N, C-alpha and C. Protein backbone atom coordinates (compact mmCIF):
# COMPACT_ATOMS: atom_id res chain seq x y z
N MET A 1 75.69 77.89 85.71
CA MET A 1 76.65 78.46 85.25
C MET A 1 75.83 78.35 83.62
N GLY A 2 75.73 79.19 82.99
CA GLY A 2 75.04 78.89 81.63
C GLY A 2 76.35 78.31 80.39
N LYS A 3 75.20 77.56 79.66
CA LYS A 3 76.25 75.87 78.91
C LYS A 3 77.29 76.75 77.91
N ASP A 4 77.19 77.62 77.63
CA ASP A 4 77.87 78.53 76.44
C ASP A 4 79.53 78.83 77.37
N LEU A 5 78.70 79.68 78.29
CA LEU A 5 80.05 80.38 79.50
C LEU A 5 80.89 79.34 79.74
N ASP A 6 80.58 78.29 80.34
CA ASP A 6 80.93 76.95 80.69
C ASP A 6 82.06 76.62 79.75
N VAL A 7 81.27 76.24 78.43
CA VAL A 7 82.44 75.80 77.22
C VAL A 7 83.15 76.09 77.14
N PHE A 8 83.32 77.99 76.94
CA PHE A 8 84.42 78.82 76.24
C PHE A 8 85.54 78.91 77.78
N LEU A 9 84.61 79.37 79.17
CA LEU A 9 85.85 79.27 79.69
C LEU A 9 86.93 77.97 79.92
N LYS A 10 85.97 77.37 80.16
CA LYS A 10 86.38 75.56 80.44
C LYS A 10 87.59 75.50 78.93
N THR A 11 87.01 75.81 77.61
CA THR A 11 88.12 75.18 76.71
C THR A 11 89.55 76.24 77.24
N ARG A 12 89.31 77.51 77.07
CA ARG A 12 90.49 78.52 77.26
C ARG A 12 91.10 78.21 78.32
N PHE A 13 90.87 77.72 79.38
CA PHE A 13 91.54 77.40 80.27
C PHE A 13 91.87 75.66 80.50
N GLU A 14 91.87 75.02 79.61
CA GLU A 14 92.31 73.83 79.28
C GLU A 14 93.37 74.07 78.30
N GLN A 15 93.17 74.78 77.17
CA GLN A 15 94.18 75.37 76.36
C GLN A 15 95.38 75.94 76.80
N ASN A 16 95.25 76.74 78.01
CA ASN A 16 96.46 77.50 78.80
C ASN A 16 96.81 77.10 80.19
N LEU A 17 96.96 75.88 79.95
CA LEU A 17 96.95 75.49 81.37
C LEU A 17 98.68 76.18 82.70
N SER A 18 99.27 76.36 81.38
CA SER A 18 100.95 77.04 81.63
C SER A 18 100.05 78.33 82.63
N ARG A 19 99.03 79.07 82.51
CA ARG A 19 98.90 80.35 83.12
C ARG A 19 98.29 79.88 84.93
N HIS A 20 98.07 78.76 84.92
CA HIS A 20 97.33 78.19 86.19
C HIS A 20 97.56 76.88 86.73
N PRO A 21 98.88 76.86 87.05
CA PRO A 21 99.49 75.47 87.12
C PRO A 21 98.61 75.28 88.39
N ASP A 22 98.57 73.70 88.50
CA ASP A 22 97.71 73.33 90.03
C ASP A 22 96.55 73.90 90.83
N ILE A 23 95.76 74.31 89.78
CA ILE A 23 94.32 74.97 90.11
C ILE A 23 93.33 73.95 89.10
N PRO A 24 92.78 73.30 89.87
CA PRO A 24 91.56 72.29 89.01
C PRO A 24 90.89 72.75 88.60
N TRP A 25 90.10 72.44 87.49
CA TRP A 25 88.79 73.66 86.78
C TRP A 25 88.01 73.38 88.02
N THR A 26 87.07 72.37 88.51
CA THR A 26 86.21 72.33 89.51
C THR A 26 86.30 73.54 90.54
N ASP A 27 87.47 73.72 90.78
CA ASP A 27 87.82 74.87 92.27
C ASP A 27 87.32 75.75 91.23
N VAL A 28 87.32 76.12 90.20
CA VAL A 28 86.92 77.46 88.93
C VAL A 28 85.36 77.33 88.97
N ARG A 29 85.21 76.42 88.15
CA ARG A 29 83.14 76.28 88.19
C ARG A 29 82.68 76.35 89.45
N ASN A 30 82.92 75.61 90.86
CA ASN A 30 82.38 75.93 91.87
C ASN A 30 82.56 77.83 92.46
N ARG A 31 83.21 78.10 91.70
CA ARG A 31 83.92 79.70 92.29
C ARG A 31 82.57 80.28 91.30
N LEU A 32 82.39 79.83 90.49
CA LEU A 32 81.68 80.79 89.34
C LEU A 32 80.48 80.53 89.65
N GLU A 33 79.70 79.08 89.68
CA GLU A 33 78.65 78.78 90.28
C GLU A 33 78.22 79.80 91.63
N ASN A 34 78.89 79.94 91.84
CA ASN A 34 78.29 80.85 93.40
C ASN A 34 78.27 82.05 93.31
N ASN A 35 78.61 82.64 91.98
CA ASN A 35 78.64 84.00 91.52
C ASN A 35 78.24 84.78 90.69
N PRO A 36 76.87 84.81 90.45
CA PRO A 36 76.32 85.17 89.04
C PRO A 36 76.79 86.70 88.60
N ASN A 37 77.09 87.24 89.20
CA ASN A 37 77.50 88.34 88.49
C ASN A 37 78.96 88.64 88.16
N ALA A 38 80.07 87.54 88.85
CA ALA A 38 81.20 87.57 87.87
C ALA A 38 80.73 86.66 86.84
N LEU A 39 80.09 86.18 86.67
CA LEU A 39 79.70 85.43 85.24
C LEU A 39 79.37 86.62 84.15
N GLU A 40 78.51 87.12 84.82
CA GLU A 40 78.15 88.48 83.74
C GLU A 40 79.30 89.31 83.72
N SER A 41 80.32 90.03 84.75
CA SER A 41 81.63 90.46 84.01
C SER A 41 82.67 89.59 83.18
N LEU A 42 82.66 88.19 83.27
CA LEU A 42 83.59 87.76 82.47
C LEU A 42 82.85 87.66 81.08
N GLN A 43 81.56 87.56 80.87
CA GLN A 43 80.73 87.88 80.03
C GLN A 43 81.28 89.21 78.98
N ALA A 44 81.24 89.83 79.75
CA ALA A 44 81.75 91.41 79.21
C ALA A 44 82.78 91.71 78.76
N LEU A 45 83.88 90.59 79.75
CA LEU A 45 85.28 90.88 78.86
C LEU A 45 85.49 90.16 77.91
N ASP A 46 84.66 89.03 78.00
CA ASP A 46 84.99 88.14 76.75
C ASP A 46 83.98 89.00 75.40
N ALA A 47 82.98 89.50 75.37
CA ALA A 47 82.34 90.31 74.26
C ALA A 47 83.11 91.61 74.11
N THR A 48 84.15 91.74 74.77
CA THR A 48 85.04 93.03 74.57
C THR A 48 86.19 92.74 73.75
N GLY A 49 86.61 91.28 73.99
CA GLY A 49 87.83 90.84 73.34
C GLY A 49 88.84 90.95 73.80
N GLY A 50 88.67 90.48 75.30
CA GLY A 50 89.65 90.27 76.61
C GLY A 50 90.05 88.53 76.73
N GLU A 51 89.00 87.87 76.40
CA GLU A 51 89.51 86.44 76.20
C GLU A 51 90.33 85.98 77.82
N PRO A 52 89.13 86.16 78.84
CA PRO A 52 89.88 86.06 80.13
C PRO A 52 89.99 84.67 80.52
N ASP A 53 90.97 84.97 81.28
CA ASP A 53 91.14 83.15 81.78
C ASP A 53 91.62 83.48 83.15
N VAL A 54 91.92 82.36 83.88
CA VAL A 54 92.11 82.55 84.96
C VAL A 54 93.83 82.51 85.35
N ILE A 55 94.43 83.49 86.47
CA ILE A 55 95.73 83.60 86.13
C ILE A 55 96.39 83.58 87.82
N GLY A 56 95.34 82.85 88.88
CA GLY A 56 95.96 82.79 90.20
C GLY A 56 94.52 82.26 91.03
N LEU A 57 95.28 81.68 92.25
CA LEU A 57 94.46 81.49 93.42
C LEU A 57 95.14 82.10 94.50
N ASP A 58 94.20 82.90 95.35
CA ASP A 58 94.47 82.83 96.54
C ASP A 58 94.72 81.67 97.15
N PRO A 59 95.42 81.51 98.07
CA PRO A 59 95.95 80.05 98.84
C PRO A 59 94.51 80.42 100.39
N ASN A 60 94.59 81.54 100.48
CA ASN A 60 94.01 82.20 101.79
C ASN A 60 92.49 82.02 101.93
N THR A 61 91.91 82.42 101.03
CA THR A 61 90.62 82.75 100.60
C THR A 61 89.88 81.47 99.42
N GLY A 62 91.07 81.11 98.49
CA GLY A 62 90.28 80.47 97.66
C GLY A 62 89.73 81.35 96.20
N ALA A 63 89.72 82.37 96.59
CA ALA A 63 89.78 83.26 95.81
C ALA A 63 90.16 83.07 93.81
N VAL A 64 89.68 82.84 92.98
CA VAL A 64 90.19 82.70 92.12
C VAL A 64 90.49 84.05 90.99
N THR A 65 91.38 84.35 90.39
CA THR A 65 91.60 85.72 89.75
C THR A 65 91.87 85.77 88.51
N PHE A 66 90.96 85.80 87.34
CA PHE A 66 90.86 86.16 86.39
C PHE A 66 91.39 87.22 85.67
N CYS A 67 91.48 87.20 84.17
CA CYS A 67 92.45 88.46 83.52
C CYS A 67 92.42 88.55 82.21
N ASP A 68 92.20 89.36 81.30
CA ASP A 68 92.24 89.62 80.05
C ASP A 68 93.77 88.87 79.40
N CYS A 69 93.46 87.90 78.78
CA CYS A 69 94.71 87.21 78.28
C CYS A 69 94.83 87.56 76.62
N ALA A 70 94.49 88.30 76.22
CA ALA A 70 94.32 88.50 74.61
C ALA A 70 95.47 89.05 74.75
N LYS A 71 95.86 88.79 73.30
CA LYS A 71 97.81 89.39 72.94
C LYS A 71 97.73 90.25 72.92
N GLU A 72 96.79 91.26 72.15
CA GLU A 72 96.98 92.93 72.36
C GLU A 72 95.63 93.26 73.33
N SER A 73 95.82 94.30 73.80
CA SER A 73 94.46 95.26 74.69
C SER A 73 93.45 94.87 73.79
N PRO A 74 92.64 94.60 74.75
CA PRO A 74 91.37 94.20 73.89
C PRO A 74 90.26 95.59 72.79
N ALA A 75 90.09 94.95 71.63
CA ALA A 75 89.77 95.62 70.82
C ALA A 75 88.49 96.27 70.96
N GLY A 76 87.32 95.85 72.28
CA GLY A 76 86.36 96.79 72.42
C GLY A 76 86.80 97.47 73.33
N ARG A 77 87.82 98.29 74.02
CA ARG A 77 87.98 98.98 75.04
C ARG A 77 89.16 99.66 74.76
N ARG A 78 89.10 100.09 73.44
CA ARG A 78 90.19 101.06 73.19
C ARG A 78 89.30 102.56 72.70
N SER A 79 90.30 103.27 72.61
CA SER A 79 90.03 104.82 72.20
C SER A 79 89.29 105.47 73.50
N LEU A 80 89.69 105.16 74.55
CA LEU A 80 88.96 105.65 75.83
C LEU A 80 89.74 106.54 76.40
N CYS A 81 89.75 107.71 77.11
CA CYS A 81 90.31 108.37 78.16
C CYS A 81 90.25 107.56 79.88
N TYR A 82 91.38 107.85 80.54
CA TYR A 82 91.42 107.13 81.44
C TYR A 82 90.06 107.17 82.31
N ASP A 83 89.67 108.46 82.71
CA ASP A 83 88.67 108.97 83.92
C ASP A 83 87.14 109.41 83.00
N ARG A 84 86.41 109.84 83.52
CA ARG A 84 85.61 110.80 83.93
C ARG A 84 86.17 112.28 83.59
N ALA A 85 86.27 112.41 84.78
CA ALA A 85 87.42 113.49 84.69
C ALA A 85 88.21 113.98 83.58
N ALA A 86 89.01 113.40 83.34
CA ALA A 86 89.48 113.26 81.83
C ALA A 86 88.90 113.74 80.56
N LEU A 87 87.79 112.48 80.60
CA LEU A 87 86.83 112.97 79.24
C LEU A 87 86.49 114.10 79.20
N GLU A 88 86.22 114.94 80.40
CA GLU A 88 85.36 115.93 80.40
C GLU A 88 86.15 117.09 80.19
N THR A 89 87.68 116.73 80.36
CA THR A 89 88.83 118.35 79.92
C THR A 89 88.82 118.09 78.56
N ARG A 90 88.63 117.14 77.47
CA ARG A 90 88.94 117.13 76.26
C ARG A 90 88.04 117.95 75.59
N LYS A 91 88.31 119.17 74.68
CA LYS A 91 87.28 120.00 74.01
C LYS A 91 87.27 119.42 72.54
N GLU A 92 87.86 118.93 71.95
CA GLU A 92 87.75 118.39 70.86
C GLU A 92 88.18 116.86 70.44
N ASN A 93 87.14 115.98 69.80
CA ASN A 93 87.77 114.57 69.51
C ASN A 93 87.18 113.90 71.06
N LYS A 94 86.38 113.98 71.21
CA LYS A 94 86.23 113.28 72.44
C LYS A 94 85.83 111.68 72.19
N PRO A 95 87.04 111.02 73.09
CA PRO A 95 86.40 109.54 72.79
C PRO A 95 84.73 109.39 73.65
N LYS A 96 84.73 107.90 73.07
CA LYS A 96 83.58 106.91 73.40
C LYS A 96 83.40 107.02 74.86
N GLY A 97 84.26 107.33 75.85
CA GLY A 97 84.31 107.02 77.08
C GLY A 97 85.42 107.34 78.03
N SER A 98 85.47 106.42 78.89
CA SER A 98 86.37 106.27 79.86
C SER A 98 86.81 105.03 80.20
N ALA A 99 88.37 104.68 80.59
CA ALA A 99 88.77 103.18 81.01
C ALA A 99 87.74 102.91 82.55
N ILE A 100 88.07 104.07 83.25
CA ILE A 100 87.65 103.57 84.37
C ILE A 100 86.01 103.42 84.70
N GLU A 101 85.46 104.18 83.83
CA GLU A 101 83.98 103.77 83.81
C GLU A 101 83.60 102.85 83.10
N MET A 102 83.94 102.39 82.18
CA MET A 102 83.62 100.89 81.52
C MET A 102 83.91 99.85 82.26
N ALA A 103 85.22 100.11 83.18
CA ALA A 103 85.72 98.81 84.17
C ALA A 103 84.53 98.81 85.09
N GLU A 104 83.89 99.80 85.58
CA GLU A 104 83.03 99.56 86.79
C GLU A 104 82.13 99.35 86.48
N GLU A 105 81.67 99.60 85.16
CA GLU A 105 80.47 99.31 84.38
C GLU A 105 80.11 97.11 84.10
N MET A 106 81.59 97.00 84.41
CA MET A 106 81.76 95.63 83.91
C MET A 106 81.76 94.58 85.41
N GLY A 107 82.18 95.72 86.18
CA GLY A 107 81.99 95.08 87.33
C GLY A 107 83.74 94.55 87.85
N ILE A 108 84.61 95.35 87.38
CA ILE A 108 86.07 94.81 87.01
C ILE A 108 86.66 95.93 87.32
N ALA A 109 88.00 95.42 87.60
CA ALA A 109 88.93 96.81 87.49
C ALA A 109 90.13 96.74 87.00
N LEU A 110 90.75 97.73 86.92
CA LEU A 110 91.59 98.03 85.85
C LEU A 110 93.02 96.99 86.44
N LEU A 111 94.07 96.76 85.74
CA LEU A 111 95.23 95.92 86.37
C LEU A 111 95.94 97.28 86.78
N THR A 112 96.54 96.83 88.26
CA THR A 112 97.81 97.82 88.92
C THR A 112 98.97 97.41 87.76
N GLU A 113 99.85 98.24 88.36
CA GLU A 113 101.25 98.09 87.52
C GLU A 113 101.94 96.75 87.81
N GLU A 114 101.99 96.18 89.32
CA GLU A 114 102.64 95.07 89.92
C GLU A 114 101.58 93.81 88.85
N GLN A 115 100.15 94.19 88.79
CA GLN A 115 99.68 92.86 88.16
C GLN A 115 100.30 92.65 86.91
N TYR A 116 99.97 93.77 85.92
CA TYR A 116 100.53 93.64 84.71
C TYR A 116 101.54 93.32 84.13
N ARG A 117 102.79 93.59 85.46
CA ARG A 117 103.98 92.81 85.08
C ARG A 117 103.87 91.41 85.39
N ALA A 118 102.87 90.61 86.48
CA ALA A 118 102.98 89.19 86.59
C ALA A 118 102.04 89.06 85.41
N LEU A 119 101.19 89.74 84.74
CA LEU A 119 100.51 88.89 83.67
C LEU A 119 101.97 89.00 82.55
N GLN A 120 103.22 89.82 82.42
CA GLN A 120 103.99 89.44 81.04
C GLN A 120 104.61 88.55 81.67
N THR A 121 104.34 87.93 82.52
CA THR A 121 105.26 86.74 83.07
C THR A 121 104.96 85.08 82.39
N LEU A 122 103.31 85.16 82.30
CA LEU A 122 102.35 84.35 81.47
C LEU A 122 102.48 84.23 79.76
N GLY A 123 103.31 85.11 79.46
CA GLY A 123 103.15 85.49 77.94
C GLY A 123 103.65 86.57 77.53
N GLU A 124 103.74 87.28 76.16
CA GLU A 124 104.03 88.54 75.91
C GLU A 124 102.58 89.10 75.53
N PHE A 125 101.96 90.23 76.06
CA PHE A 125 100.97 90.87 75.67
C PHE A 125 101.08 92.29 75.60
N ASP A 126 100.30 92.80 74.70
CA ASP A 126 100.53 94.21 74.37
C ASP A 126 101.88 94.52 73.70
N ALA A 127 102.23 93.75 72.71
CA ALA A 127 103.52 93.98 72.03
C ALA A 127 103.01 95.18 70.39
N LYS A 128 101.72 95.43 70.49
CA LYS A 128 101.23 96.25 69.11
C LYS A 128 100.62 97.15 70.02
N THR A 129 100.16 96.70 71.09
CA THR A 129 99.12 97.73 71.60
C THR A 129 99.49 98.20 73.23
N SER A 130 98.93 99.11 74.08
CA SER A 130 99.11 99.28 75.35
C SER A 130 97.81 99.60 75.85
N SER A 131 97.82 99.28 77.29
CA SER A 131 96.87 99.27 78.46
C SER A 131 97.23 100.47 79.68
N TRP A 132 95.73 100.69 79.41
CA TRP A 132 96.01 102.15 80.73
C TRP A 132 95.94 100.96 82.52
N LEU A 133 96.84 101.34 83.10
CA LEU A 133 96.50 100.82 83.90
C LEU A 133 96.25 101.80 85.19
N ALA A 134 95.66 100.63 86.65
CA ALA A 134 95.25 101.74 87.67
C ALA A 134 96.15 102.58 88.34
N THR A 135 95.92 104.14 87.95
CA THR A 135 96.82 104.90 88.42
C THR A 135 96.81 105.38 89.91
N PRO A 136 98.04 105.07 90.53
CA PRO A 136 98.22 105.46 92.14
C PRO A 136 97.43 107.20 92.49
N PRO A 137 96.34 107.21 93.14
CA PRO A 137 95.74 108.43 93.61
C PRO A 137 96.98 109.74 93.25
N GLU A 138 97.85 109.59 93.80
CA GLU A 138 99.07 110.22 94.09
C GLU A 138 99.58 111.32 92.71
N LEU A 139 99.50 110.31 91.97
CA LEU A 139 99.70 110.43 90.41
C LEU A 139 98.31 110.87 89.95
N ARG A 140 97.22 110.58 90.13
CA ARG A 140 95.73 111.31 89.50
C ARG A 140 96.12 112.64 89.88
N SER A 141 96.41 112.65 90.84
CA SER A 141 95.75 113.98 91.28
C SER A 141 96.91 115.16 90.70
N LEU A 142 97.56 114.85 90.10
CA LEU A 142 98.61 115.82 89.22
C LEU A 142 98.41 115.60 87.89
N ASP A 143 97.13 115.01 87.45
CA ASP A 143 96.64 115.05 85.78
C ASP A 143 97.33 113.87 85.02
N GLY A 144 97.95 113.30 85.85
CA GLY A 144 98.60 111.85 85.54
C GLY A 144 98.04 110.83 85.27
N GLU A 145 98.26 109.30 84.51
CA GLU A 145 98.16 108.06 84.76
C GLU A 145 99.11 107.27 84.20
N ILE A 146 98.78 106.32 84.45
CA ILE A 146 100.01 105.30 83.65
C ILE A 146 99.80 104.49 82.75
N PHE A 147 100.22 103.80 81.99
CA PHE A 147 100.19 102.88 81.06
C PHE A 147 101.10 101.88 80.49
N GLY A 148 100.68 100.57 79.85
CA GLY A 148 102.27 99.65 79.90
C GLY A 148 101.98 99.26 78.98
N ASP A 149 102.97 98.45 78.31
CA ASP A 149 103.04 97.72 76.86
C ASP A 149 104.29 96.70 77.06
N TYR A 150 104.48 95.97 75.87
CA TYR A 150 105.70 94.94 75.98
C TYR A 150 106.39 95.31 74.41
N ARG A 151 107.83 95.70 74.93
CA ARG A 151 108.36 96.02 73.55
C ARG A 151 110.12 95.43 74.02
N TYR A 152 110.77 95.28 72.69
CA TYR A 152 112.26 94.77 72.89
C TYR A 152 112.20 93.72 73.93
N GLY A 153 111.20 92.99 74.37
CA GLY A 153 111.64 91.69 75.62
C GLY A 153 111.63 92.25 76.32
N ARG A 154 110.75 93.38 76.93
CA ARG A 154 110.40 93.99 78.07
C ARG A 154 109.47 94.39 78.21
N VAL A 155 109.00 94.79 79.69
CA VAL A 155 107.74 95.54 79.90
C VAL A 155 108.14 96.89 80.09
N PHE A 156 107.52 98.18 79.95
CA PHE A 156 107.81 99.27 79.94
C PHE A 156 106.15 100.07 80.53
N ILE A 157 106.48 100.62 81.54
CA ILE A 157 105.23 101.63 82.51
C ILE A 157 105.74 103.15 81.92
N TYR A 158 104.67 103.73 81.10
CA TYR A 158 104.62 105.11 80.83
C TYR A 158 104.14 106.05 81.48
N HIS A 159 104.06 107.20 81.25
CA HIS A 159 102.88 108.46 81.59
C HIS A 159 102.44 108.74 80.97
N ASN A 160 100.88 109.60 81.14
CA ASN A 160 100.27 110.51 79.99
C ASN A 160 99.47 111.30 80.78
N GLY A 161 99.08 112.39 80.64
CA GLY A 161 97.99 113.28 80.54
C GLY A 161 97.00 112.39 80.79
N VAL A 162 95.89 112.48 81.45
CA VAL A 162 94.84 111.53 81.55
C VAL A 162 93.95 111.77 80.52
N GLN A 163 93.67 113.16 79.71
CA GLN A 163 92.87 113.32 78.64
C GLN A 163 93.43 112.83 77.23
N SER A 164 94.72 112.11 77.28
CA SER A 164 94.82 111.45 76.00
C SER A 164 94.45 110.23 75.54
N TYR A 165 94.16 109.66 75.13
CA TYR A 165 93.87 108.61 74.39
C TYR A 165 94.27 107.93 72.78
N TYR A 166 94.45 106.63 72.33
CA TYR A 166 94.83 106.51 71.38
C TYR A 166 94.18 105.00 70.88
N ALA A 167 94.11 104.95 69.32
CA ALA A 167 93.43 103.88 68.99
C ALA A 167 93.71 102.76 69.49
N ALA A 168 95.60 102.34 69.86
CA ALA A 168 96.05 101.43 70.11
C ALA A 168 95.68 101.18 71.26
N ARG A 169 95.19 101.99 72.47
CA ARG A 169 95.48 101.96 73.62
C ARG A 169 94.01 101.65 74.74
N GLY A 170 94.33 100.37 75.22
CA GLY A 170 92.68 99.88 75.42
C GLY A 170 93.06 100.10 77.19
N PHE A 171 92.25 98.54 77.95
CA PHE A 171 92.74 98.47 79.03
C PHE A 171 92.44 97.05 79.41
N ARG A 172 93.05 96.21 80.33
CA ARG A 172 92.93 94.87 80.62
C ARG A 172 92.26 94.82 82.23
N GLY A 173 91.45 94.04 82.28
CA GLY A 173 90.63 93.83 82.97
C GLY A 173 90.91 92.66 84.48
N VAL A 174 90.65 92.76 85.47
CA VAL A 174 91.03 91.62 86.85
C VAL A 174 89.79 91.78 87.41
N LEU A 175 89.36 90.40 87.43
CA LEU A 175 88.53 89.80 88.56
C LEU A 175 88.74 88.77 89.41
N GLN A 176 88.29 89.21 91.03
CA GLN A 176 88.39 88.24 91.62
C GLN A 176 87.19 87.03 92.02
N VAL A 177 87.07 86.04 91.73
CA VAL A 177 86.09 85.55 92.44
C VAL A 177 85.86 84.48 93.69
């Protein structure tokens, strides 16, 4: 693992132990050393403002779960339509891309509604922004999508037409290593 990556991940890990109680850094580091693709994905998460950190460990497989833990939706991943089909339906003011495509390029997935709600138990995220969430296929087939935010002390999940995009809406990624 690269020295710089090791330093920033370990530092963030140690500064936020409440997000991952009972998970030793040595277990995380071992998983990362054996997965160079994960390191590239984590670098991409960090470079776009996500502040990735460990939020869980699968007791059956030992897989470590990383998630964007920036207070607001990552700045380098905002102003995006949900997916390629949504982007293509826009006639004017097209955004630079789509959340789904960017996530795939980064080797990560968008958070599901359940993962987003679980993340919110670790802190208050998206109090001024919102984040696209992985949309169930039955809703996407109706040209809809979902996103979430945190307002008034609670998590809200909303819906939009997929071609929508907003300067304050991005997406949070999740990665299992």
